[in-house]
Amino acid sequence: MKKTLLTLASLALVTGVTAQIADIASNAAYDDGWQNGDNGGTGFGAWDLTNNNNNGTDVFAGYFIGDSTDGAADINTGGESFGIYANPGSAFATANRSFTSALSVNDQFTINLGVNFDNGNKGFNLRTGGTTAFGLNVGGGAQVNTAFTNNPSTAVYDYGGDALLQAVITVISANSLSYEVSRTSSQGTQDVLFSGTVTGISGALDNIELYNSGTDSGDAQNNLYFNNLSVTQVPEPSTLALLGGLLAMICLRRRF
C-alpha cells in the first residue's frame, strides 16, 4: 500500500497540479498589517499600494488585514483576509502585484472575494502590462470587462449578505483565456454568474490589480475582502488520459 501511495503522489507531481503561485492573508509577511512593499507567499512580486487617503479632503482609503465576516462572507485563513476600503465618492485604493513569471498555457488563476453592498466599484483585473485581459467589477450589479475580443457582460446581482465570489481564469492559449465566476450566499443570486472566453489577447498575463473606490461610507459592508490567491497548472486532456491509464495499471497490479 505504501508503494502505491508513493506512486500516486509521484504521478500528481508529474502532472503539475500543485500550486505554483500562492498567497494568503495569514502569511507571516502580514503579521504587522498589509503595507506597501509587503511580499507574502510564493511566485509574486511585492505589493504596490496606491490611494488618495486624506488627499486634502475628507477622503478615506486604505488597506488592512482583518476578519471578512465583519462585512461579507467567510473567506478567511487563520481568521484573516485582505481588505480594501475607499469612501466617499472620490476615494480610491488600488493594490497591484506582478507575477514573478507571466502565466503560461494551462495555468489557472483562482481568487476568492467577499463582497456585500454594491455601491461604488470594487473588484480585480488580471492584466497584461496596464491592459485588462479579464476584469470583474461589483458596482450597481456585477460586470465582466476586457480590453480584448469579448463583449462586456452584466449579471443579475442581488447584493447583500455573506456573498462569496470565486473567480477561476484559465489560460487556454498564448492569446486566449476562459473564465468562470460563481457566487455563493444565503441571500440573492447563487451559482455561476459569468462564464466564457476572451480571445485576441496581445501580451502575457503578468500582474493583478485589486481595487475599491467611491463607496458610500466606511461601513464594513462596503469593503472589498479577498484571499486565497493561487495559480495551478491544469493538466492537458492527454496527460489526464495517460494518468488514468497508469492508475488503472497500478490498481490491476495491486489486485494480482
Protein backbone atom coordinates (compact mmCIF):
# COMPACT_ATOMS: atom_id res chain seq x y z
CA MET A 1 0.00 0.00 0.00
CA LYS A 2 2.80 2.45 0.83
CA LYS A 3 4.38 1.79 -2.56
CA THR A 4 1.08 2.52 -4.31
CA LEU A 5 0.54 5.77 -2.43
CA LEU A 6 4.07 6.88 -3.22
CA THR A 7 3.48 6.16 -6.89
CA LEU A 8 0.24 8.15 -6.91
CA ALA A 9 1.93 11.09 -5.24
CA SER A 10 4.71 10.98 -7.83
CA LEU A 11 2.17 10.97 -10.64
CA ALA A 12 0.44 14.01 -9.13
CA LEU A 13 3.75 15.84 -9.12
CA VAL A 14 4.39 14.90 -12.75
CA THR A 15 1.02 16.32 -13.85
CA GLY A 16 1.82 19.62 -12.14
CA VAL A 17 -1.48 20.01 -10.27
CA THR A 18 0.13 21.54 -7.20
CA ALA A 19 0.04 25.30 -6.64
CA GLN A 20 2.88 27.15 -8.37
CA ILE A 21 1.94 30.60 -7.05
CA ALA A 22 0.01 31.28 -3.86
CA ASP A 23 -0.61 33.81 -1.09
CA ILE A 24 -3.00 34.10 1.85
CA ALA A 25 -3.69 36.90 4.32
CA SER A 26 -2.48 34.87 7.31
CA ASN A 27 1.08 34.62 5.97
CA ALA A 28 3.76 35.95 8.32
CA ALA A 29 4.55 38.85 5.97
CA TYR A 30 1.28 40.48 7.09
CA ASP A 31 1.63 39.98 10.84
CA ASP A 32 2.07 43.74 11.27
CA GLY A 33 -0.66 44.62 8.77
CA TRP A 34 -0.72 45.00 5.00
CA GLN A 35 1.64 47.68 3.76
CA ASN A 36 3.26 48.87 0.56
CA GLY A 37 6.20 46.62 -0.35
CA ASP A 38 4.97 43.58 1.58
CA ASN A 39 5.59 40.30 -0.19
CA GLY A 40 3.97 37.17 1.22
CA GLY A 41 3.53 33.77 -0.35
CA THR A 42 5.42 32.49 -3.39
CA GLY A 43 5.55 33.44 -7.05
CA PHE A 44 4.58 37.11 -6.66
CA GLY A 45 6.41 40.40 -6.60
CA ALA A 46 5.87 42.89 -3.77
CA TRP A 47 2.55 44.70 -3.34
CA ASP A 48 2.33 48.19 -4.87
CA LEU A 49 -0.37 50.08 -2.94
CA THR A 50 -1.74 53.43 -4.15
CA ASN A 51 -4.58 55.51 -2.68
CA ASN A 52 -5.73 59.08 -2.13
CA ASN A 53 -6.37 58.84 1.61
CA ASN A 54 -6.93 62.34 3.13
CA ASN A 55 -5.95 64.00 -0.13
CA GLY A 56 -6.83 67.47 1.14
CA THR A 57 -10.45 66.49 1.80
CA ASP A 58 -12.43 64.04 3.88
CA VAL A 59 -11.28 61.07 1.83
CA PHE A 60 -10.66 57.71 3.47
CA ALA A 61 -8.89 54.95 1.56
CA GLY A 62 -6.51 52.18 2.51
CA TYR A 63 -5.74 48.57 3.29
CA PHE A 64 -5.94 46.17 6.20
CA ILE A 65 -5.77 42.56 7.31
CA GLY A 66 -8.99 41.60 9.08
CA ASP A 67 -11.93 39.27 9.51
CA SER A 68 -14.02 39.15 6.32
CA THR A 69 -17.12 38.12 8.27
CA ASP A 70 -17.26 41.66 9.69
CA GLY A 71 -18.72 42.75 6.37
CA ALA A 72 -19.16 39.82 3.99
CA ALA A 73 -18.52 36.09 3.54
CA ASP A 74 -16.05 33.94 5.42
CA ILE A 75 -13.04 33.74 3.10
CA ASN A 76 -10.57 33.82 5.98
CA THR A 77 -7.43 31.80 6.54
CA GLY A 78 -6.42 31.81 10.18
CA GLY A 79 -9.28 34.23 10.81
CA GLU A 80 -7.91 36.83 8.38
CA SER A 81 -8.42 38.21 4.87
CA PHE A 82 -7.04 41.10 2.84
CA GLY A 83 -9.28 44.19 2.90
CA ILE A 84 -9.55 47.43 0.91
CA TYR A 85 -11.74 50.44 1.79
CA ALA A 86 -12.41 53.71 -0.06
CA ASN A 87 -15.06 56.32 0.75
CA PRO A 88 -16.78 58.59 -0.12
CA GLY A 89 -17.27 59.28 -3.85
CA SER A 90 -13.80 60.49 -4.89
CA ALA A 91 -11.86 57.94 -2.82
CA PHE A 92 -9.85 55.16 -4.41
CA ALA A 93 -7.39 52.49 -3.35
CA THR A 94 -5.61 50.06 -5.65
CA ALA A 95 -3.33 47.12 -4.91
CA ASN A 96 -1.11 45.93 -7.76
CA ARG A 97 1.09 42.88 -7.84
CA SER A 98 3.12 41.20 -10.56
CA PHE A 99 3.73 37.50 -11.06
CA THR A 100 7.43 36.65 -10.94
CA SER A 101 6.85 34.77 -14.20
CA ALA A 102 3.97 35.55 -16.55
CA LEU A 103 1.17 33.00 -16.71
CA SER A 104 1.55 30.30 -19.35
CA VAL A 105 -0.80 27.95 -21.20
CA ASN A 106 -2.83 25.73 -18.80
CA ASP A 107 -2.13 27.98 -15.82
CA GLN A 108 -5.28 28.51 -13.75
CA PHE A 109 -5.62 31.58 -11.54
CA THR A 110 -8.11 31.46 -8.65
CA ILE A 111 -9.16 34.14 -6.17
CA ASN A 112 -11.90 34.39 -3.52
CA LEU A 113 -13.65 37.69 -2.81
CA GLY A 114 -16.03 38.70 -0.03
CA VAL A 115 -18.48 41.37 -1.22
CA ASN A 116 -21.63 42.76 0.39
CA PHE A 117 -23.02 46.15 -0.73
CA ASP A 118 -22.58 47.02 -4.42
CA ASN A 119 -22.27 50.83 -4.23
CA GLY A 120 -19.04 52.32 -5.57
CA ASN A 121 -16.80 49.95 -7.53
CA LYS A 122 -14.75 47.06 -6.26
CA GLY A 123 -13.12 44.04 -7.85
CA PHE A 124 -10.00 42.96 -9.69
CA ASN A 125 -8.29 43.00 -13.08
CA LEU A 126 -5.98 40.31 -14.46
CA ARG A 127 -3.74 42.29 -16.78
CA THR A 128 -1.06 42.27 -19.43
CA GLY A 129 1.03 45.28 -18.54
CA GLY A 130 -1.53 48.00 -17.82
CA THR A 131 -4.26 46.48 -20.01
CA THR A 132 -7.13 44.41 -18.59
CA ALA A 133 -7.45 40.95 -20.11
CA PHE A 134 -10.16 39.95 -17.62
CA GLY A 135 -11.88 42.16 -15.07
CA LEU A 136 -14.63 41.54 -12.53
CA ASN A 137 -16.35 44.61 -11.07
CA VAL A 138 -19.11 44.84 -8.46
CA GLY A 139 -20.84 48.21 -8.65
CA GLY A 140 -24.53 48.67 -9.34
CA GLY A 141 -24.60 44.94 -10.11
CA ALA A 142 -21.74 42.78 -11.32
CA GLN A 143 -19.89 43.15 -14.61
CA VAL A 144 -17.19 41.36 -16.59
CA ASN A 145 -14.87 43.59 -18.61
CA THR A 146 -11.97 43.12 -21.03
CA ALA A 147 -10.00 45.25 -23.45
CA PHE A 148 -9.94 42.38 -25.94
CA THR A 149 -12.46 40.44 -28.04
CA ASN A 150 -15.20 39.53 -25.63
CA ASN A 151 -18.28 41.67 -25.15
CA PRO A 152 -18.54 43.01 -21.58
CA SER A 153 -21.48 41.45 -19.78
CA THR A 154 -23.60 42.18 -16.74
CA ALA A 155 -25.24 39.63 -14.49
CA VAL A 156 -28.26 39.99 -12.25
CA TYR A 157 -26.63 40.57 -8.89
CA ASP A 158 -28.69 40.74 -5.73
CA TYR A 159 -26.32 42.47 -3.33
CA GLY A 160 -26.15 41.92 0.39
CA GLY A 161 -25.36 39.29 2.94
CA ASP A 162 -22.49 36.88 3.15
CA ALA A 163 -21.60 36.79 -0.55
CA LEU A 164 -18.54 34.82 -1.59
CA LEU A 165 -17.38 35.30 -5.17
CA GLN A 166 -14.87 32.88 -6.65
CA ALA A 167 -13.21 33.64 -9.98
CA VAL A 168 -11.31 30.97 -11.91
CA ILE A 169 -9.39 32.07 -15.02
CA THR A 170 -7.55 29.55 -17.18
CA VAL A 171 -5.00 30.39 -19.88
CA ILE A 172 -6.08 28.23 -22.84
CA SER A 173 -3.64 29.51 -25.46
CA ALA A 174 -1.00 32.18 -25.94
CA ASN A 175 -3.72 34.75 -26.69
CA SER A 176 -6.89 33.45 -25.01
CA LEU A 177 -8.37 32.57 -21.63
CA SER A 178 -11.53 31.07 -20.19
CA TYR A 179 -13.28 32.27 -17.06
CA GLU A 180 -15.98 31.30 -14.58
CA VAL A 181 -17.25 33.46 -11.74
CA SER A 182 -19.57 31.93 -9.15
CA ARG A 183 -21.44 33.44 -6.23
CA THR A 184 -22.48 31.71 -3.02
CA SER A 185 -24.65 33.45 -0.43
CA SER A 186 -27.60 32.93 1.86
CA GLN A 187 -29.13 35.89 0.01
CA GLY A 188 -29.52 36.65 -3.68
CA THR A 189 -28.19 35.06 -6.84
CA GLN A 190 -26.37 31.76 -6.46
CA ASP A 191 -24.04 29.58 -8.56
CA VAL A 192 -22.37 30.71 -11.79
CA LEU A 193 -22.71 34.40 -12.63
CA PHE A 194 -20.37 34.52 -15.62
CA SER A 195 -18.54 32.08 -17.86
CA GLY A 196 -16.94 32.46 -21.25
CA THR A 197 -13.71 33.12 -23.12
CA VAL A 198 -11.58 36.10 -24.06
CA THR A 199 -9.57 35.91 -27.28
CA GLY A 200 -7.17 38.15 -29.15
CA ILE A 201 -5.12 38.92 -26.05
CA SER A 202 -1.87 40.62 -27.03
CA GLY A 203 0.73 40.13 -24.34
CA ALA A 204 1.37 37.79 -21.44
CA LEU A 205 -0.72 37.92 -18.26
CA ASP A 206 1.83 39.26 -15.82
CA ASN A 207 0.04 41.14 -13.00
CA ILE A 208 -3.15 41.55 -11.00
CA GLU A 209 -4.85 44.72 -9.77
CA LEU A 210 -7.40 44.82 -6.94
CA TYR A 211 -9.35 47.97 -6.14
CA ASN A 212 -12.10 49.71 -4.25
CA SER A 213 -13.46 53.20 -4.98
CA GLY A 214 -16.28 55.58 -4.21
CA THR A 215 -18.31 53.62 -1.68
CA ASP A 216 -20.99 55.44 0.30
CA SER A 217 -19.44 55.07 3.74
CA GLY A 218 -16.83 53.31 5.82
CA ASP A 219 -19.18 50.51 6.87
CA ALA A 220 -17.55 47.08 6.78
CA GLN A 221 -20.21 46.01 4.28
CA ASN A 222 -18.62 48.38 1.73
CA ASN A 223 -15.13 46.87 1.99
CA LEU A 224 -13.62 44.58 -0.61
CA TYR A 225 -12.28 41.44 1.03
CA PHE A 226 -10.17 38.90 -0.84
CA ASN A 227 -7.96 35.91 -0.09
CA ASN A 228 -6.52 32.65 -1.38
CA LEU A 229 -4.74 33.85 -4.49
CA SER A 230 -3.29 30.87 -6.33
CA VAL A 231 -2.08 29.65 -9.70
CA THR A 232 -2.04 25.95 -10.53
CA GLN A 233 -1.04 24.13 -13.69
CA VAL A 234 -4.04 22.29 -15.16
CA PRO A 235 -3.08 19.03 -16.93
CA GLU A 236 -3.95 18.76 -20.61
CA PRO A 237 -6.57 16.12 -21.53
CA SER A 238 -3.88 13.86 -23.00
CA THR A 239 -1.97 13.99 -19.72
CA LEU A 240 -5.10 13.16 -17.73
CA ALA A 241 -5.80 10.21 -20.04
CA LEU A 242 -2.26 8.92 -19.54
CA LEU A 243 -2.59 9.37 -15.78
CA GLY A 244 -5.85 7.44 -15.80
CA GLY A 245 -4.23 4.58 -17.69
CA LEU A 246 -1.29 4.44 -15.33
CA LEU A 247 -3.57 4.44 -12.30
CA ALA A 248 -5.60 1.62 -13.81
CA MET A 249 -2.43 -0.41 -14.34
CA ILE A 250 -1.38 0.20 -10.75
CA CYS A 251 -4.76 -0.94 -9.47
CA LEU A 252 -4.61 -4.12 -11.60
CA ARG A 253 -1.15 -4.93 -10.30
CA ARG A 254 -2.37 -4.47 -6.73
CA ARG A 255 -5.23 -6.89 -7.35
CA PHE A 256 -2.90 -9.59 -8.59
